[in-house]
C-alpha atoms as a PDB file:
ATOM      1  CA  MET A   1     265.720  48.197  62.880  1.00  0.00           C
ATOM      2  CA  ARG A   2     268.516  47.593  64.956  1.00  0.00           C
ATOM      3  CA  LEU A   3     270.678  50.622  65.420  1.00  0.00           C
ATOM      4  CA  VAL A   4     273.983  48.261  64.131  1.00  0.00           C
ATOM      5  CA  SER A   5     272.282  47.047  60.815  1.00  0.00           C
ATOM      6  CA  LEU A   6     271.310  50.871  60.419  1.00  0.00           C
ATOM      7  CA  VAL A   7     274.768  51.932  60.793  1.00  0.00           C
ATOM      8  CA  LYS A   8     275.698  49.108  58.498  1.00  0.00           C
ATOM      9  CA  LYS A   9     273.475  50.022  56.014  1.00  0.00           C
ATOM     10  CA  SER A  10     274.181  53.723  56.319  1.00  0.00           C
ATOM     11  CA  LEU A  11     277.669  52.958  55.536  1.00  0.00           C
ATOM     12  CA  LEU A  12     277.175  50.680  52.541  1.00  0.00           C
ATOM     13  CA  PHE A  13     274.973  53.292  50.943  1.00  0.00           C
ATOM     14  CA  TYR A  14     276.912  56.093  51.225  1.00  0.00           C
ATOM     15  CA  TRP A  15     280.316  54.366  50.695  1.00  0.00           C
ATOM     16  CA  ARG A  16     281.834  56.978  48.359  1.00  0.00           C
ATOM     17  CA  THR A  17     280.756  60.301  50.558  1.00  0.00           C
ATOM     18  CA  ASN A  18     282.857  58.039  53.447  1.00  0.00           C
ATOM     19  CA  LEU A  19     285.685  57.274  51.410  1.00  0.00           C
ATOM     20  CA  GLY A  20     286.201  60.732  50.428  1.00  0.00           C
ATOM     21  CA  VAL A  21     286.170  61.603  54.378  1.00  0.00           C
ATOM     22  CA  ILE A  22     288.618  58.762  54.941  1.00  0.00           C
ATOM     23  CA  LEU A  23     290.753  60.123  52.232  1.00  0.00           C
ATOM     24  CA  ALA A  24     289.997  63.458  53.458  1.00  0.00           C
ATOM     25  CA  VAL A  25     291.442  63.386  57.157  1.00  0.00           C
ATOM     26  CA  MET A  26     294.256  60.770  56.022  1.00  0.00           C
ATOM     27  CA  THR A  27     295.777  63.488  53.729  1.00  0.00           C
ATOM     28  CA  SER A  28     295.174  66.355  56.348  1.00  0.00           C
ATOM     29  CA  THR A  29     296.288  64.321  58.978  1.00  0.00           C
ATOM     30  CA  ALA A  30     299.823  63.828  56.781  1.00  0.00           C
ATOM     31  CA  ILE A  31     299.798  67.295  55.948  1.00  0.00           C
ATOM     32  CA  LEU A  32     300.001  68.321  59.628  1.00  0.00           C
ATOM     33  CA  THR A  33     302.512  66.109  60.696  1.00  0.00           C
ATOM     34  CA  GLY A  34     304.836  66.490  57.938  1.00  0.00           C
ATOM     35  CA  ALA A  35     304.279  70.771  58.460  1.00  0.00           C
ATOM     36  CA  LEU A  36     305.415  70.139  62.389  1.00  0.00           C
ATOM     37  CA  LEU A  37     308.012  67.534  61.771  1.00  0.00           C
ATOM     38  CA  VAL A  38     309.586  70.385  59.406  1.00  0.00           C
ATOM     39  CA  GLY A  39     308.778  72.851  61.574  1.00  0.00           C
ATOM     40  CA  ASP A  40     310.760  71.465  64.869  1.00  0.00           C
ATOM     41  CA  SER A  41     313.567  70.496  62.136  1.00  0.00           C
ATOM     42  CA  VAL A  42     313.978  74.463  60.789  1.00  0.00           C
ATOM     43  CA  ARG A  43     313.431  75.485  64.386  1.00  0.00           C
ATOM     44  CA  HIS A  44     316.411  73.231  66.072  1.00  0.00           C
ATOM     45  CA  SER A  45     318.528  74.375  62.903  1.00  0.00           C
ATOM     46  CA  LEU A  46     318.037  77.922  63.614  1.00  0.00           C
ATOM     47  CA  ARG A  47     318.603  77.319  67.828  1.00  0.00           C
ATOM     48  CA  THR A  48     321.787  75.420  66.512  1.00  0.00           C
ATOM     49  CA  MET A  49     323.299  78.297  63.944  1.00  0.00           C
ATOM     50  CA  ALA A  50     322.696  80.901  66.318  1.00  0.00           C
ATOM     51  CA  ALA A  51     324.206  79.039  69.342  1.00  0.00           C
ATOM     52  CA  SER A  52     327.244  78.490  66.710  1.00  0.00           C
ATOM     53  CA  ARG A  53     327.653  81.885  65.846  1.00  0.00           C
ATOM     54  CA  LEU A  54     327.415  83.846  69.130  1.00  0.00           C
ATOM     55  CA  GLY A  55     330.312  80.855  70.082  1.00  0.00           C
ATOM     56  CA  LYS A  56     331.426  81.848  74.044  1.00  0.00           C
ATOM     57  CA  THR A  57     329.636  84.952  74.250  1.00  0.00           C
ATOM     58  CA  SER A  58     328.757  85.542  77.760  1.00  0.00           C
ATOM     59  CA  LEU A  59     327.517  89.171  78.087  1.00  0.00           C
ATOM     60  CA  ALA A  60     325.661  91.152  75.312  1.00  0.00           C
ATOM     61  CA  LEU A  61     324.474  94.776  75.865  1.00  0.00           C
ATOM     62  CA  VAL A  62     321.164  95.872  74.759  1.00  0.00           C
ATOM     63  CA  ALA A  63     321.361  99.574  73.041  1.00  0.00           C
ATOM     64  CA  ASN A  64     317.106  99.898  72.884  1.00  0.00           C
ATOM     65  CA  ASN A  65     317.564 101.354  69.248  1.00  0.00           C
ATOM     66  CA  ARG A  66     320.630 103.391  69.624  1.00  0.00           C
ATOM     67  CA  PHE A  67     324.114 102.618  68.605  1.00  0.00           C
ATOM     68  CA  PHE A  68     327.526 102.920  70.146  1.00  0.00           C
ATOM     69  CA  SER A  69     330.924 103.209  68.581  1.00  0.00           C
ATOM     70  CA  ALA A  70     333.151 100.698  68.408  1.00  0.00           C
ATOM     71  CA  ALA A  71     335.497 102.457  70.637  1.00  0.00           C
ATOM     72  CA  LEU A  72     332.922 101.146  74.058  1.00  0.00           C
ATOM     73  CA  ALA A  73     333.925  97.973  72.975  1.00  0.00           C
ATOM     74  CA  ASP A  74     337.846  98.875  73.672  1.00  0.00           C
ATOM     75  CA  LYS A  75     336.628 101.090  76.217  1.00  0.00           C
ATOM     76  CA  LEU A  76     335.272  98.279  78.067  1.00  0.00           C
ATOM     77  CA  GLU A  77     337.858  95.567  77.189  1.00  0.00           C
ATOM     78  CA  LYS A  78     340.275  97.969  79.156  1.00  0.00           C
ATOM     79  CA  GLU A  79     337.699  98.419  82.222  1.00  0.00           C
ATOM     80  CA  LEU A  80     336.631  94.529  82.452  1.00  0.00           C
ATOM     81  CA  LYS A  81     340.093  93.185  81.948  1.00  0.00           C
ATOM     82  CA  THR A  82     338.293  91.145  79.134  1.00  0.00           C
ATOM     83  CA  THR A  83     337.747  90.471  75.719  1.00  0.00           C
ATOM     84  CA  THR A  84     335.058  92.311  73.996  1.00  0.00           C
ATOM     85  CA  THR A  85     334.159  92.538  70.429  1.00  0.00           C
ATOM     86  CA  PRO A  86     331.652  95.130  68.649  1.00  0.00           C
ATOM     87  CA  VAL A  87     329.205  93.528  66.285  1.00  0.00           C
ATOM     88  CA  PHE A  88     329.124  96.644  64.167  1.00  0.00           C
ATOM     89  CA  PRO A  89     332.475  98.154  63.460  1.00  0.00           C
ATOM     90  CA  ASP A  90     332.643 101.773  62.393  1.00  0.00           C
ATOM     91  CA  ALA A  91     332.880 102.171  58.862  1.00  0.00           C
ATOM     92  CA  LYS A  92     335.875 104.394  58.957  1.00  0.00           C
ATOM     93  CA  ASN A  93     337.420 102.143  61.690  1.00  0.00           C
ATOM     94  CA  PRO A  94     337.421  98.681  60.968  1.00  0.00           C
END
């Protein structure tokens, strides 16, 4: 028996199993492709929203788990002669 005829007979005999495998592969491929497209869309939307919220921000002060008062923004504004804005204003002085 030749290899080609053996493969042909095997495919015909196990057609239900082969059809199930093909459908499972097609479904899995569609799900993974959809997840990748949705993930890419969400990543782009989040990046766009973050950029629009930052506006014209050019510098940021990283506090390393410490908080500074909003008065620091005023001091920096006077010292740097530029516009500054505190992200979390004081509760007493909004």
